[in-house]
C-alpha cells in the first residue's frame, strides 16, 4: 500500500531486506512489549490506579517500532498524546513510564505529566502533547535550529489524522518547506479523530495528498506492517538528513481500543473492529518470522514469556514507587528558576501582588 504526492521524490531504498534476523526479532519483542504495557495499563486504569485520561496504542505498534528504528540517538522525536508506544520504541525504561502513569516521583516527568506528557531529555523525546497538532510548529522550530547550527539531526513529528484538519498543520508544512527543515511528518491515520470518521471530517481522506500544498514529497504506507513502515521511514529520514527538506508519511493503521479507555465506541461497529484485527501487526509479523525467516514458534513464545517477566517488574516498580513529596508542589514550574523560590524576595513580592495581599 503506497502512494506518492506531488513534488520531489526521495531515492528509493529497500532496507528491510538487509535487516538481520536479530533486528527483526528485536522489532517483534518491542511490539509485544508495547502491547502488554498497554493491556496492563488499561487494567490499572480500570482499577483506579491511574488517573486522568488513558489513550492506548493497541493495534498501532508497527508504526512506532518501524519508524522510530530509523532514527539516531541525536535525532528529535515529538508525538501526540497516544505516546506510550513511541516512548517504548525510543528506548525509555518501561518501569519509568508506568510509574509516570501512576503519578509517581520515579516517572519520566516525576509524576507530573501522566499519560499524555511523556518526555525524556536523554532520549531527545519531547513529548506527548495533549493539544492536537500543537507540537507540529515546535518540530519545525527544532528542524530550523538543526539546519541553522549545521547539525545532522532529523526531527520526526508523529500525529493523528485529525491533526491534518487544523491550521497549525498547514502552517507547519509551509514553513518546513520554505526553510527546508529536516522534518519527517508522520501521520498515524487510524481513520478516526476521537469519535468522528475521517470521511466526515476531512475533504481529503488520503492524507498524504495534503502535503502537495507545500510541495513536500509524500507517500502512504501500510501501518500494520512493521517492515513496510521501516522501509518508508528510512526513505523519509534519509531524504531529510541529506538536506532536501521535509518528507511526509501517512501510515494507514487502526486502533483496536477506543479513543480512550472511557470511550464507549458508539461510532464504529464491532464487525469493523474485528475485520481490522485480522490484520493484527503482531500476528502478521509473527507469521513472517515463522514462514519467511524460519524462526521456531517456541523461540517467539519465549519472547512473550520474557516480556511477561519484564512487565511483572514494571508493575511492581510503579506500585512501590513513592508519590511526589508535597514540598515539591511548586517545583519545576519555571524552566530556569533563579535560586530557591522559597527564599526569593522578588518571587514573594510577585506572589503577594498576584494574590491581592
C-alpha atoms as a PDB file:
ATOM      1  CA  UNK A   1       0.000   0.000   0.000  1.00  0.00           C
ATOM      2  CA  UNK A   2       1.719   3.166  -1.106  1.00  0.00           C
ATOM      3  CA  UNK A   3       1.210   6.372  -2.985  1.00  0.00           C
ATOM      4  CA  UNK A   4       3.115   9.458  -3.946  1.00  0.00           C
ATOM      5  CA  UNK A   5       2.161  13.058  -3.515  1.00  0.00           C
ATOM      6  CA  UNK A   6       3.152  15.817  -5.903  1.00  0.00           C
ATOM      7  CA  UNK A   7       6.608  17.307  -5.698  1.00  0.00           C
ATOM      8  CA  UNK A   8      10.045  15.792  -5.365  1.00  0.00           C
ATOM      9  CA  UNK A   9      10.506  12.119  -4.624  1.00  0.00           C
ATOM     10  CA  UNK A  10      13.101  10.529  -2.402  1.00  0.00           C
ATOM     11  CA  UNK A  11      15.574   7.959  -3.616  1.00  0.00           C
ATOM     12  CA  UNK A  12      14.055   4.506  -3.316  1.00  0.00           C
ATOM     13  CA  UNK A  13      15.500   2.051  -0.806  1.00  0.00           C
ATOM     14  CA  UNK A  14      14.740  -1.456   0.400  1.00  0.00           C
ATOM     15  CA  UNK A  15      16.387  -1.590   3.843  1.00  0.00           C
ATOM     16  CA  UNK A  16      14.090  -4.264   5.297  1.00  0.00           C
ATOM     17  CA  UNK A  17      15.646  -6.886   3.034  1.00  0.00           C
ATOM     18  CA  UNK A  18      19.036  -6.121   4.548  1.00  0.00           C
ATOM     19  CA  UNK A  19      17.922  -6.390   8.179  1.00  0.00           C
ATOM     20  CA  UNK A  20      19.381  -9.328  10.059  1.00  0.00           C
ATOM     21  CA  UNK A  21      17.189 -11.747  11.972  1.00  0.00           C
ATOM     22  CA  UNK A  22      18.297 -10.389  15.343  1.00  0.00           C
ATOM     23  CA  UNK A  23      16.996  -6.934  14.422  1.00  0.00           C
ATOM     24  CA  UNK A  24      13.696  -8.353  13.227  1.00  0.00           C
ATOM     25  CA  UNK A  25      13.338 -10.274  16.462  1.00  0.00           C
ATOM     26  CA  UNK A  26      14.012  -7.066  18.376  1.00  0.00           C
ATOM     27  CA  UNK A  27      11.184  -5.439  16.405  1.00  0.00           C
ATOM     28  CA  UNK A  28       8.895  -8.295  17.395  1.00  0.00           C
ATOM     29  CA  UNK A  29       9.861  -8.005  21.061  1.00  0.00           C
ATOM     30  CA  UNK A  30       9.240  -4.257  21.082  1.00  0.00           C
ATOM     31  CA  UNK A  31       5.793  -4.722  19.584  1.00  0.00           C
ATOM     32  CA  UNK A  32       4.899  -7.408  22.125  1.00  0.00           C
ATOM     33  CA  UNK A  33       6.224  -5.229  24.960  1.00  0.00           C
ATOM     34  CA  UNK A  34       4.153  -2.245  23.830  1.00  0.00           C
ATOM     35  CA  UNK A  35       1.027  -4.418  23.593  1.00  0.00           C
ATOM     36  CA  UNK A  36       1.461  -5.882  27.101  1.00  0.00           C
ATOM     37  CA  UNK A  37       2.346  -2.484  28.579  1.00  0.00           C
ATOM     38  CA  UNK A  38      -0.903  -1.076  27.209  1.00  0.00           C
ATOM     39  CA  UNK A  39      -3.008  -4.049  28.293  1.00  0.00           C
ATOM     40  CA  UNK A  40      -1.740  -3.839  31.867  1.00  0.00           C
ATOM     41  CA  UNK A  41      -2.083  -0.054  31.900  1.00  0.00           C
ATOM     42  CA  UNK A  42      -5.735  -0.482  30.903  1.00  0.00           C
ATOM     43  CA  UNK A  43      -6.322  -2.840  33.836  1.00  0.00           C
ATOM     44  CA  UNK A  44      -4.611  -0.445  36.262  1.00  0.00           C
ATOM     45  CA  UNK A  45      -6.731   2.419  34.944  1.00  0.00           C
ATOM     46  CA  UNK A  46      -9.924   0.440  35.423  1.00  0.00           C
ATOM     47  CA  UNK A  47      -8.789  -0.332  38.982  1.00  0.00           C
ATOM     48  CA  UNK A  48      -8.438   3.385  39.677  1.00  0.00           C
ATOM     49  CA  UNK A  49      -4.644   3.285  39.994  1.00  0.00           C
ATOM     50  CA  UNK A  50      -4.116   5.602  37.009  1.00  0.00           C
ATOM     51  CA  UNK A  51      -5.904   8.949  36.921  1.00  0.00           C
ATOM     52  CA  UNK A  52      -6.846  11.319  34.121  1.00  0.00           C
ATOM     53  CA  UNK A  53      -7.182  10.050  30.565  1.00  0.00           C
ATOM     54  CA  UNK A  54      -5.524   6.992  29.069  1.00  0.00           C
ATOM     55  CA  UNK A  55      -5.149   6.656  25.294  1.00  0.00           C
ATOM     56  CA  UNK A  56      -3.904   3.204  24.304  1.00  0.00           C
ATOM     57  CA  UNK A  57      -1.763   2.283  21.299  1.00  0.00           C
ATOM     58  CA  UNK A  58      -3.033  -1.287  20.879  1.00  0.00           C
ATOM     59  CA  UNK A  59      -3.105  -2.167  17.176  1.00  0.00           C
ATOM     60  CA  UNK A  60      -0.700   0.543  16.027  1.00  0.00           C
ATOM     61  CA  UNK A  61       2.562  -0.946  17.345  1.00  0.00           C
ATOM     62  CA  UNK A  62       4.099  -1.469  13.899  1.00  0.00           C
ATOM     63  CA  UNK A  63       4.137   2.263  13.186  1.00  0.00           C
ATOM     64  CA  UNK A  64       6.144   3.254  16.247  1.00  0.00           C
ATOM     65  CA  UNK A  65       8.583   0.358  16.065  1.00  0.00           C
ATOM     66  CA  UNK A  66       9.218   0.553  12.340  1.00  0.00           C
ATOM     67  CA  UNK A  67       9.524   4.328  12.098  1.00  0.00           C
ATOM     68  CA  UNK A  68      11.478   5.140  15.251  1.00  0.00           C
ATOM     69  CA  UNK A  69      14.045   2.412  14.463  1.00  0.00           C
ATOM     70  CA  UNK A  70      15.285   4.621  11.621  1.00  0.00           C
ATOM     71  CA  UNK A  71      16.299   7.464  13.956  1.00  0.00           C
ATOM     72  CA  UNK A  72      19.677   8.120  15.511  1.00  0.00           C
ATOM     73  CA  UNK A  73      20.063   8.971  19.237  1.00  0.00           C
ATOM     74  CA  UNK A  74      20.729  12.650  18.418  1.00  0.00           C
ATOM     75  CA  UNK A  75      17.540  12.988  16.365  1.00  0.00           C
ATOM     76  CA  UNK A  76      14.485  14.662  17.882  1.00  0.00           C
ATOM     77  CA  UNK A  77      11.126  12.938  18.337  1.00  0.00           C
ATOM     78  CA  UNK A  78       7.842  14.680  19.123  1.00  0.00           C
ATOM     79  CA  UNK A  79       4.489  12.993  19.312  1.00  0.00           C
ATOM     80  CA  UNK A  80       0.864  13.309  20.338  1.00  0.00           C
ATOM     81  CA  UNK A  81      -0.950  12.117  23.456  1.00  0.00           C
ATOM     82  CA  UNK A  82      -1.174   8.446  22.361  1.00  0.00           C
ATOM     83  CA  UNK A  83       2.513   8.307  23.183  1.00  0.00           C
ATOM     84  CA  UNK A  84       3.270   5.184  25.246  1.00  0.00           C
ATOM     85  CA  UNK A  85       4.310   3.063  22.268  1.00  0.00           C
ATOM     86  CA  UNK A  86       6.526   5.802  20.863  1.00  0.00           C
ATOM     87  CA  UNK A  87       8.337   6.213  24.176  1.00  0.00           C
ATOM     88  CA  UNK A  88       8.994   2.476  24.486  1.00  0.00           C
ATOM     89  CA  UNK A  89      10.223   2.269  20.890  1.00  0.00           C
ATOM     90  CA  UNK A  90      12.515   5.236  21.556  1.00  0.00           C
ATOM     91  CA  UNK A  91      14.151   3.311  24.381  1.00  0.00           C
ATOM     92  CA  UNK A  92      12.655   4.843  27.519  1.00  0.00           C
ATOM     93  CA  UNK A  93      12.506   2.486  30.501  1.00  0.00           C
ATOM     94  CA  UNK A  94       9.013   0.927  30.713  1.00  0.00           C
ATOM     95  CA  UNK A  95       9.272   0.978  34.508  1.00  0.00           C
ATOM     96  CA  UNK A  96       9.709   4.744  34.477  1.00  0.00           C
ATOM     97  CA  UNK A  97       6.859   5.123  32.000  1.00  0.00           C
ATOM     98  CA  UNK A  98       4.422   3.063  34.059  1.00  0.00           C
ATOM     99  CA  UNK A  99       5.476   4.997  37.160  1.00  0.00           C
ATOM    100  CA  UNK A 100       4.574   8.182  35.306  1.00  0.00           C
ATOM    101  CA  UNK A 101       1.118   6.782  34.567  1.00  0.00           C
ATOM    102  CA  UNK A 102       0.770   6.070  38.284  1.00  0.00           C
ATOM    103  CA  UNK A 103       1.803   9.655  39.096  1.00  0.00           C
ATOM    104  CA  UNK A 104       4.901   8.523  40.970  1.00  0.00           C
ATOM    105  CA  UNK A 105       8.043  10.579  41.547  1.00  0.00           C
ATOM    106  CA  UNK A 106      10.108   7.944  39.699  1.00  0.00           C
ATOM    107  CA  UNK A 107       8.199   8.665  36.483  1.00  0.00           C
ATOM    108  CA  UNK A 108       9.826  10.237  33.433  1.00  0.00           C
ATOM    109  CA  UNK A 109       8.163  13.573  34.297  1.00  0.00           C
ATOM    110  CA  UNK A 110       8.360  12.962  38.057  1.00  0.00           C
ATOM    111  CA  UNK A 111       4.684  12.065  38.108  1.00  0.00           C
ATOM    112  CA  UNK A 112       3.565  15.473  36.883  1.00  0.00           C
ATOM    113  CA  UNK A 113       2.801  14.699  33.257  1.00  0.00           C
ATOM    114  CA  UNK A 114       0.863  11.468  33.285  1.00  0.00           C
ATOM    115  CA  UNK A 115      -0.185   9.572  30.193  1.00  0.00           C
ATOM    116  CA  UNK A 116      -0.230  12.456  27.728  1.00  0.00           C
ATOM    117  CA  UNK A 117       3.073  14.091  28.665  1.00  0.00           C
ATOM    118  CA  UNK A 118       5.910  11.595  28.498  1.00  0.00           C
ATOM    119  CA  UNK A 119       9.296  13.236  27.872  1.00  0.00           C
ATOM    120  CA  UNK A 120      12.997  12.483  28.179  1.00  0.00           C
ATOM    121  CA  UNK A 121      15.870  14.864  27.500  1.00  0.00           C
ATOM    122  CA  UNK A 122      18.275  11.915  27.454  1.00  0.00           C
ATOM    123  CA  UNK A 123      16.401  10.388  24.519  1.00  0.00           C
ATOM    124  CA  UNK A 124      15.583  13.658  22.712  1.00  0.00           C
ATOM    125  CA  UNK A 125      11.972  12.637  23.213  1.00  0.00           C
ATOM    126  CA  UNK A 126       9.967  15.829  23.573  1.00  0.00           C
ATOM    127  CA  UNK A 127       6.527  14.629  24.478  1.00  0.00           C
ATOM    128  CA  UNK A 128       3.433  13.592  24.322  1.00  0.00           C
ATOM    129  CA  UNK A 129       1.421  16.758  23.588  1.00  0.00           C
ATOM    130  CA  UNK A 130      -2.217  16.985  24.617  1.00  0.00           C
ATOM    131  CA  UNK A 131      -3.079  19.809  22.193  1.00  0.00           C
ATOM    132  CA  UNK A 132      -3.913  18.228  18.834  1.00  0.00           C
ATOM    133  CA  UNK A 133      -1.299  19.343  16.306  1.00  0.00           C
ATOM    134  CA  UNK A 134       0.232  21.827  18.736  1.00  0.00           C
ATOM    135  CA  UNK A 135       3.633  20.183  18.510  1.00  0.00           C
ATOM    136  CA  UNK A 136       3.969  20.484  14.726  1.00  0.00           C
ATOM    137  CA  UNK A 137       5.263  24.096  14.737  1.00  0.00           C
ATOM    138  CA  UNK A 138       7.665  23.056  17.512  1.00  0.00           C
ATOM    139  CA  UNK A 139       9.016  20.305  15.266  1.00  0.00           C
ATOM    140  CA  UNK A 140       9.639  22.865  12.527  1.00  0.00           C
ATOM    141  CA  UNK A 141      11.488  25.045  15.050  1.00  0.00           C
ATOM    142  CA  UNK A 142      13.705  22.167  16.107  1.00  0.00           C
ATOM    143  CA  UNK A 143      14.374  21.377  12.463  1.00  0.00           C
ATOM    144  CA  UNK A 144      15.240  25.002  11.727  1.00  0.00           C
ATOM    145  CA  UNK A 145      17.648  25.065  14.686  1.00  0.00           C
ATOM    146  CA  UNK A 146      19.381  21.905  13.452  1.00  0.00           C
ATOM    147  CA  UNK A 147      19.799  23.349   9.961  1.00  0.00           C
ATOM    148  CA  UNK A 148      20.923  26.751  11.274  1.00  0.00           C
ATOM    149  CA  UNK A 149      23.532  25.151  13.541  1.00  0.00           C
ATOM    150  CA  UNK A 150      24.701  22.734  10.873  1.00  0.00           C
ATOM    151  CA  UNK A 151      23.774  19.694  12.958  1.00  0.00           C
ATOM    152  CA  UNK A 152      22.973  16.450  11.092  1.00  0.00           C
ATOM    153  CA  UNK A 153      19.802  15.915  13.100  1.00  0.00           C
ATOM    154  CA  UNK A 154      16.431  14.829  11.819  1.00  0.00           C
ATOM    155  CA  UNK A 155      13.164  15.687  13.551  1.00  0.00           C
ATOM    156  CA  UNK A 156      10.303  13.199  13.452  1.00  0.00           C
ATOM    157  CA  UNK A 157       6.860  14.535  14.318  1.00  0.00           C
ATOM    158  CA  UNK A 158       4.115  11.957  14.821  1.00  0.00           C
ATOM    159  CA  UNK A 159       0.450  12.956  14.827  1.00  0.00           C
ATOM    160  CA  UNK A 160      -3.010  11.616  14.054  1.00  0.00           C
ATOM    161  CA  UNK A 161      -5.222  12.136  11.031  1.00  0.00           C
ATOM    162  CA  UNK A 162      -7.423  14.698  12.830  1.00  0.00           C
ATOM    163  CA  UNK A 163      -4.394  16.977  13.255  1.00  0.00           C
ATOM    164  CA  UNK A 164      -4.284  17.432   9.492  1.00  0.00           C
ATOM    165  CA  UNK A 165      -7.526  19.430   9.614  1.00  0.00           C
ATOM    166  CA  UNK A 166      -6.224  22.290  11.754  1.00  0.00           C
ATOM    167  CA  UNK A 167      -4.419  25.450  10.768  1.00  0.00           C
ATOM    168  CA  UNK A 168      -1.140  24.693  12.521  1.00  0.00           C
ATOM    169  CA  UNK A 169      -0.713  21.640  10.311  1.00  0.00           C
ATOM    170  CA  UNK A 170      -0.683  23.659   7.089  1.00  0.00           C
ATOM    171  CA  UNK A 171       1.386  26.449   8.614  1.00  0.00           C
ATOM    172  CA  UNK A 172       3.969  23.940   9.839  1.00  0.00           C
ATOM    173  CA  UNK A 173       4.228  22.197   6.467  1.00  0.00           C
ATOM    174  CA  UNK A 174       4.518  25.515   4.651  1.00  0.00           C
ATOM    175  CA  UNK A 175       7.315  26.850   6.865  1.00  0.00           C
ATOM    176  CA  UNK A 176       9.129  23.495   6.869  1.00  0.00           C
ATOM    177  CA  UNK A 177       9.162  23.523   3.070  1.00  0.00           C
ATOM    178  CA  UNK A 178      10.214  27.177   2.832  1.00  0.00           C
ATOM    179  CA  UNK A 179      13.074  26.704   5.282  1.00  0.00           C
ATOM    180  CA  UNK A 180      13.960  23.180   4.065  1.00  0.00           C
ATOM    181  CA  UNK A 181      13.928  21.891   7.603  1.00  0.00           C
ATOM    182  CA  UNK A 182      14.845  18.196   8.160  1.00  0.00           C
ATOM    183  CA  UNK A 183      11.422  17.200   9.489  1.00  0.00           C
ATOM    184  CA  UNK A 184       9.691  13.896   8.836  1.00  0.00           C
ATOM    185  CA  UNK A 185       5.962  14.401   9.292  1.00  0.00           C
ATOM    186  CA  UNK A 186       4.452  11.021  10.195  1.00  0.00           C
ATOM    187  CA  UNK A 187       0.674  10.805  10.263  1.00  0.00           C
ATOM    188  CA  UNK A 188      -0.833   7.792  12.018  1.00  0.00           C
ATOM    189  CA  UNK A 189      -4.124   7.611  10.150  1.00  0.00           C
ATOM    190  CA  UNK A 190      -6.276   5.294  12.258  1.00  0.00           C
ATOM    191  CA  UNK A 191      -9.399   6.515  10.428  1.00  0.00           C
ATOM    192  CA  UNK A 192     -10.968   8.288  13.405  1.00  0.00           C
ATOM    193  CA  UNK A 193     -10.429  11.628  15.105  1.00  0.00           C
ATOM    194  CA  UNK A 194     -11.778  10.799  18.551  1.00  0.00           C
ATOM    195  CA  UNK A 195     -15.254   9.605  17.539  1.00  0.00           C
ATOM    196  CA  UNK A 196     -15.537  11.093  14.051  1.00  0.00           C
ATOM    197  CA  UNK A 197     -14.697   9.062  10.948  1.00  0.00           C
ATOM    198  CA  UNK A 198     -12.182  10.733   8.667  1.00  0.00           C
ATOM    199  CA  UNK A 199     -14.615  10.919   5.736  1.00  0.00           C
ATOM    200  CA  UNK A 200     -16.956  13.004   7.899  1.00  0.00           C
ATOM    201  CA  UNK A 201     -14.266  15.478   8.914  1.00  0.00           C
ATOM    202  CA  UNK A 202     -11.855  15.812   6.007  1.00  0.00           C
ATOM    203  CA  UNK A 203     -12.474  16.539   2.343  1.00  0.00           C
ATOM    204  CA  UNK A 204      -9.259  14.620   1.570  1.00  0.00           C
ATOM    205  CA  UNK A 205      -9.188  11.166   3.127  1.00  0.00           C
ATOM    206  CA  UNK A 206      -5.899  10.088   1.542  1.00  0.00           C
ATOM    207  CA  UNK A 207      -3.966  12.218   3.985  1.00  0.00           C
ATOM    208  CA  UNK A 208      -0.585  12.065   2.250  1.00  0.00           C
ATOM    209  CA  UNK A 209      -2.041  14.078  -0.628  1.00  0.00           C
ATOM    210  CA  UNK A 210      -2.399  17.090   1.677  1.00  0.00           C
ATOM    211  CA  UNK A 211       1.382  17.547   1.611  1.00  0.00           C
ATOM    212  CA  UNK A 212       1.188  18.728  -2.001  1.00  0.00           C
ATOM    213  CA  UNK A 213       0.107  22.179  -0.753  1.00  0.00           C
ATOM    214  CA  UNK A 214       3.716  22.704   0.346  1.00  0.00           C
ATOM    215  CA  UNK A 215       5.300  20.680  -2.476  1.00  0.00           C
ATOM    216  CA  UNK A 216       6.572  18.132   0.057  1.00  0.00           C
ATOM    217  CA  UNK A 217       7.290  14.568  -1.140  1.00  0.00           C
ATOM    218  CA  UNK A 218       4.774  12.222   0.412  1.00  0.00           C
ATOM    219  CA  UNK A 219       3.614   8.635   0.432  1.00  0.00           C
ATOM    220  CA  UNK A 220       1.168   6.290   2.134  1.00  0.00           C
ATOM    221  CA  UNK A 221       2.363   3.079   3.763  1.00  0.00           C
ATOM    222  CA  UNK A 222       0.653   0.079   5.337  1.00  0.00           C
ATOM    223  CA  UNK A 223       0.911   0.907   9.024  1.00  0.00           C
ATOM    224  CA  UNK A 224       0.037  -2.654  10.038  1.00  0.00           C
ATOM    225  CA  UNK A 225       3.296  -3.953   8.502  1.00  0.00           C
ATOM    226  CA  UNK A 226       6.376  -3.126  10.565  1.00  0.00           C
ATOM    227  CA  UNK A 227       8.828  -3.833   7.734  1.00  0.00           C
ATOM    228  CA  UNK A 228       6.890  -1.675   5.267  1.00  0.00           C
ATOM    229  CA  UNK A 229       6.896   1.178   7.785  1.00  0.00           C
ATOM    230  CA  UNK A 230      10.630   0.737   8.347  1.00  0.00           C
ATOM    231  CA  UNK A 231      11.353   0.938   4.624  1.00  0.00           C
ATOM    232  CA  UNK A 232       9.206   4.023   4.087  1.00  0.00           C
ATOM    233  CA  UNK A 233      10.581   5.761   7.181  1.00  0.00           C
ATOM    234  CA  UNK A 234      14.127   5.016   6.055  1.00  0.00           C
ATOM    235  CA  UNK A 235      13.451   6.771   2.755  1.00  0.00           C
ATOM    236  CA  UNK A 236      11.952   9.731   4.572  1.00  0.00           C
ATOM    237  CA  UNK A 237      14.730  10.070   7.143  1.00  0.00           C
ATOM    238  CA  UNK A 238      17.490   9.725   4.527  1.00  0.00           C
ATOM    239  CA  UNK A 239      15.801  12.395   2.409  1.00  0.00           C
ATOM    240  CA  UNK A 240      15.593  14.837   5.327  1.00  0.00           C
ATOM    241  CA  UNK A 241      19.092  14.134   6.647  1.00  0.00           C
ATOM    242  CA  UNK A 242      20.587  14.746   3.196  1.00  0.00           C
ATOM    243  CA  UNK A 243      19.396  18.359   3.361  1.00  0.00           C
ATOM    244  CA  UNK A 244      16.492  18.003   0.938  1.00  0.00           C
ATOM    245  CA  UNK A 245      13.909  19.383   3.354  1.00  0.00           C
ATOM    246  CA  UNK A 246      10.819  17.752   4.882  1.00  0.00           C
ATOM    247  CA  UNK A 247       9.109  14.491   3.955  1.00  0.00           C
ATOM    248  CA  UNK A 248       5.565  13.342   4.693  1.00  0.00           C
ATOM    249  CA  UNK A 249       4.433   9.819   5.554  1.00  0.00           C
ATOM    250  CA  UNK A 250       0.909   8.558   6.098  1.00  0.00           C
ATOM    251  CA  UNK A 251       0.756   5.234   7.940  1.00  0.00           C
ATOM    252  CA  UNK A 252      -2.676   3.683   7.477  1.00  0.00           C
ATOM    253  CA  UNK A 253      -3.465   1.842  10.703  1.00  0.00           C
ATOM    254  CA  UNK A 254      -6.210   1.106  13.202  1.00  0.00           C
ATOM    255  CA  UNK A 255      -6.577   1.277  16.966  1.00  0.00           C
ATOM    256  CA  UNK A 256      -8.208  -1.807  18.416  1.00  0.00           C
ATOM    257  CA  UNK A 257      -9.311   0.038  21.556  1.00  0.00           C
ATOM    258  CA  UNK A 258     -11.480   3.122  21.887  1.00  0.00           C
ATOM    259  CA  UNK A 259     -10.160   6.659  21.640  1.00  0.00           C
ATOM    260  CA  UNK A 260      -9.523   6.420  25.375  1.00  0.00           C
ATOM    261  CA  UNK A 261     -10.276   3.688  27.892  1.00  0.00           C
ATOM    262  CA  UNK A 262     -13.510   5.517  28.795  1.00  0.00           C
ATOM    263  CA  UNK A 263     -14.709   5.573  25.165  1.00  0.00           C
ATOM    264  CA  UNK A 264     -17.964   3.574  24.636  1.00  0.00           C
ATOM    265  CA  UNK A 265     -17.143   3.299  20.890  1.00  0.00           C
ATOM    266  CA  UNK A 266     -20.649   4.023  19.634  1.00  0.00           C
ATOM    267  CA  UNK A 267     -19.347   5.417  16.337  1.00  0.00           C
ATOM    268  CA  UNK A 268     -17.974   2.182  14.816  1.00  0.00           C
ATOM    269  CA  UNK A 269     -19.208  -1.378  14.537  1.00  0.00           C
ATOM    270  CA  UNK A 270     -17.805  -4.463  16.206  1.00  0.00           C
ATOM    271  CA  UNK A 271     -17.622  -6.057  12.762  1.00  0.00           C
ATOM    272  CA  UNK A 272     -15.281  -3.313  11.561  1.00  0.00           C
ATOM    273  CA  UNK A 273     -13.016  -3.717  14.566  1.00  0.00           C
ATOM    274  CA  UNK A 274     -12.888  -7.495  14.139  1.00  0.00           C
ATOM    275  CA  UNK A 275     -12.103  -7.109  10.452  1.00  0.00           C
ATOM    276  CA  UNK A 276      -9.081  -4.958  11.245  1.00  0.00           C
ATOM    277  CA  UNK A 277      -7.979  -7.332  13.996  1.00  0.00           C
ATOM    278  CA  UNK A 278      -7.469  -9.933  11.284  1.00  0.00           C
ATOM    279  CA  UNK A 279      -4.529  -7.751  10.253  1.00  0.00           C
ATOM    280  CA  UNK A 280      -3.067  -7.554  13.769  1.00  0.00           C
ATOM    281  CA  UNK A 281       0.512  -6.267  13.219  1.00  0.00           C
ATOM    282  CA  UNK A 282       1.999  -8.595  15.825  1.00  0.00           C
ATOM    283  CA  UNK A 283       0.361 -11.742  14.477  1.00  0.00           C
ATOM    284  CA  UNK A 284       1.171 -10.665  10.947  1.00  0.00           C
ATOM    285  CA  UNK A 285       4.845 -10.209  11.739  1.00  0.00           C
ATOM    286  CA  UNK A 286       4.886 -13.449  13.707  1.00  0.00           C
ATOM    287  CA  UNK A 287       3.760 -15.320  10.584  1.00  0.00           C
ATOM    288  CA  UNK A 288       6.510 -13.612   8.586  1.00  0.00           C
ATOM    289  CA  UNK A 289       9.159 -14.635  11.110  1.00  0.00           C
ATOM    290  CA  UNK A 290       7.978 -18.252  11.072  1.00  0.00           C
ATOM    291  CA  UNK A 291       7.251 -18.702   7.365  1.00  0.00           C
ATOM    292  CA  UNK A 292       9.912 -16.466   5.802  1.00  0.00           C
ATOM    293  CA  UNK A 293      12.708 -16.263   8.379  1.00  0.00           C
ATOM    294  CA  UNK A 294      12.322 -19.808   9.669  1.00  0.00           C
ATOM    295  CA  UNK A 295      12.096 -18.824  13.335  1.00  0.00           C
ATOM    296  CA  UNK A 296      10.683 -21.633  15.519  1.00  0.00           C
ATOM    297  CA  UNK A 297       7.402 -20.813  17.245  1.00  0.00           C
ATOM    298  CA  UNK A 298       8.963 -21.826  20.554  1.00  0.00           C
ATOM    299  CA  UNK A 299      11.523 -19.032  20.184  1.00  0.00           C
ATOM    300  CA  UNK A 300       8.770 -16.462  19.667  1.00  0.00           C
ATOM    301  CA  UNK A 301       6.792 -17.885  22.590  1.00  0.00           C
ATOM    302  CA  UNK A 302       9.906 -17.430  24.712  1.00  0.00           C
ATOM    303  CA  UNK A 303       9.905 -13.733  23.815  1.00  0.00           C
ATOM    304  CA  UNK A 304       6.346 -13.435  25.138  1.00  0.00           C
ATOM    305  CA  UNK A 305       7.376 -15.145  28.370  1.00  0.00           C
ATOM    306  CA  UNK A 306      10.359 -12.825  28.717  1.00  0.00           C
ATOM    307  CA  UNK A 307       8.157  -9.764  28.176  1.00  0.00           C
ATOM    308  CA  UNK A 308       5.704 -11.076  30.784  1.00  0.00           C
ATOM    309  CA  UNK A 309       8.509 -11.315  33.342  1.00  0.00           C
ATOM    310  CA  UNK A 310       9.671  -7.806  32.479  1.00  0.00           C
ATOM    311  CA  UNK A 311       6.156  -6.441  32.883  1.00  0.00           C
ATOM    312  CA  UNK A 312       5.890  -8.024  36.323  1.00  0.00           C
ATOM    313  CA  UNK A 313       8.886  -5.927  37.342  1.00  0.00           C
ATOM    314  CA  UNK A 314       7.440  -2.855  35.594  1.00  0.00           C
ATOM    315  CA  UNK A 315       4.184  -3.090  37.552  1.00  0.00           C
ATOM    316  CA  UNK A 316       5.980  -3.797  40.826  1.00  0.00           C
ATOM    317  CA  UNK A 317       8.186  -0.743  40.324  1.00  0.00           C
ATOM    318  CA  UNK A 318       5.186   1.505  39.631  1.00  0.00           C
ATOM    319  CA  UNK A 319       3.187   0.149  42.565  1.00  0.00           C
ATOM    320  CA  UNK A 320       6.033   0.508  45.070  1.00  0.00           C
ATOM    321  CA  UNK A 321       7.447   3.858  43.925  1.00  0.00           C
ATOM    322  CA  UNK A 322       6.708   6.845  46.188  1.00  0.00           C
ATOM    323  CA  UNK A 323       4.363   9.707  45.401  1.00  0.00           C
ATOM    324  CA  UNK A 324       5.946  13.120  44.776  1.00  0.00           C
ATOM    325  CA  UNK A 325       6.545  14.827  48.143  1.00  0.00           C
ATOM    326  CA  UNK A 326       4.185  17.682  48.986  1.00  0.00           C
ATOM    327  CA  UNK A 327       7.067  20.124  49.394  1.00  0.00           C
ATOM    328  CA  UNK A 328       7.777  19.762  45.649  1.00  0.00           C
ATOM    329  CA  UNK A 329       4.318  21.046  44.739  1.00  0.00           C
ATOM    330  CA  UNK A 330       5.611  24.275  43.192  1.00  0.00           C
ATOM    331  CA  UNK A 331       8.878  22.894  41.804  1.00  0.00           C
ATOM    332  CA  UNK A 332       9.582  22.615  38.072  1.00  0.00           C
ATOM    333  CA  UNK A 333       7.051  25.297  37.160  1.00  0.00           C
ATOM    334  CA  UNK A 334       9.682  27.597  35.654  1.00  0.00           C
ATOM    335  CA  UNK A 335      12.299  26.374  33.191  1.00  0.00           C
ATOM    336  CA  UNK A 336      15.165  28.458  34.591  1.00  0.00           C
ATOM    337  CA  UNK A 337      14.463  29.399  38.232  1.00  0.00           C
ATOM    338  CA  UNK A 338      16.830  31.834  39.893  1.00  0.00           C
ATOM    339  CA  UNK A 339      17.837  30.286  43.178  1.00  0.00           C
ATOM    340  CA  UNK A 340      15.342  28.820  45.601  1.00  0.00           C
ATOM    341  CA  UNK A 341      11.949  30.498  45.174  1.00  0.00           C
ATOM    342  CA  UNK A 342      11.092  29.856  48.819  1.00  0.00           C
ATOM    343  CA  UNK A 343      13.578  32.486  49.954  1.00  0.00           C
ATOM    344  CA  UNK A 344      13.480  34.745  46.904  1.00  0.00           C
ATOM    345  CA  UNK A 345      12.088  38.137  47.961  1.00  0.00           C
ATOM    346  CA  UNK A 346      11.287  39.083  44.353  1.00  0.00           C
ATOM    347  CA  UNK A 347       9.191  35.958  43.947  1.00  0.00           C
ATOM    348  CA  UNK A 348       7.438  36.554  47.260  1.00  0.00           C
ATOM    349  CA  UNK A 349       6.597  40.146  46.259  1.00  0.00           C
ATOM    350  CA  UNK A 350       5.121  38.944  42.974  1.00  0.00           C
ATOM    351  CA  UNK A 351       3.216  36.241  44.833  1.00  0.00           C
ATOM    352  CA  UNK A 352       1.779  38.819  47.235  1.00  0.00           C
ATOM    353  CA  UNK A 353       0.769  41.082  44.361  1.00  0.00           C
ATOM    354  CA  UNK A 354      -0.892  38.292  42.399  1.00  0.00           C
ATOM    355  CA  UNK A 355      -2.789  37.053  45.436  1.00  0.00           C
ATOM    356  CA  UNK A 356      -4.013  40.552  46.284  1.00  0.00           C
ATOM    357  CA  UNK A 357      -2.401  40.690  49.705  1.00  0.00           C
END
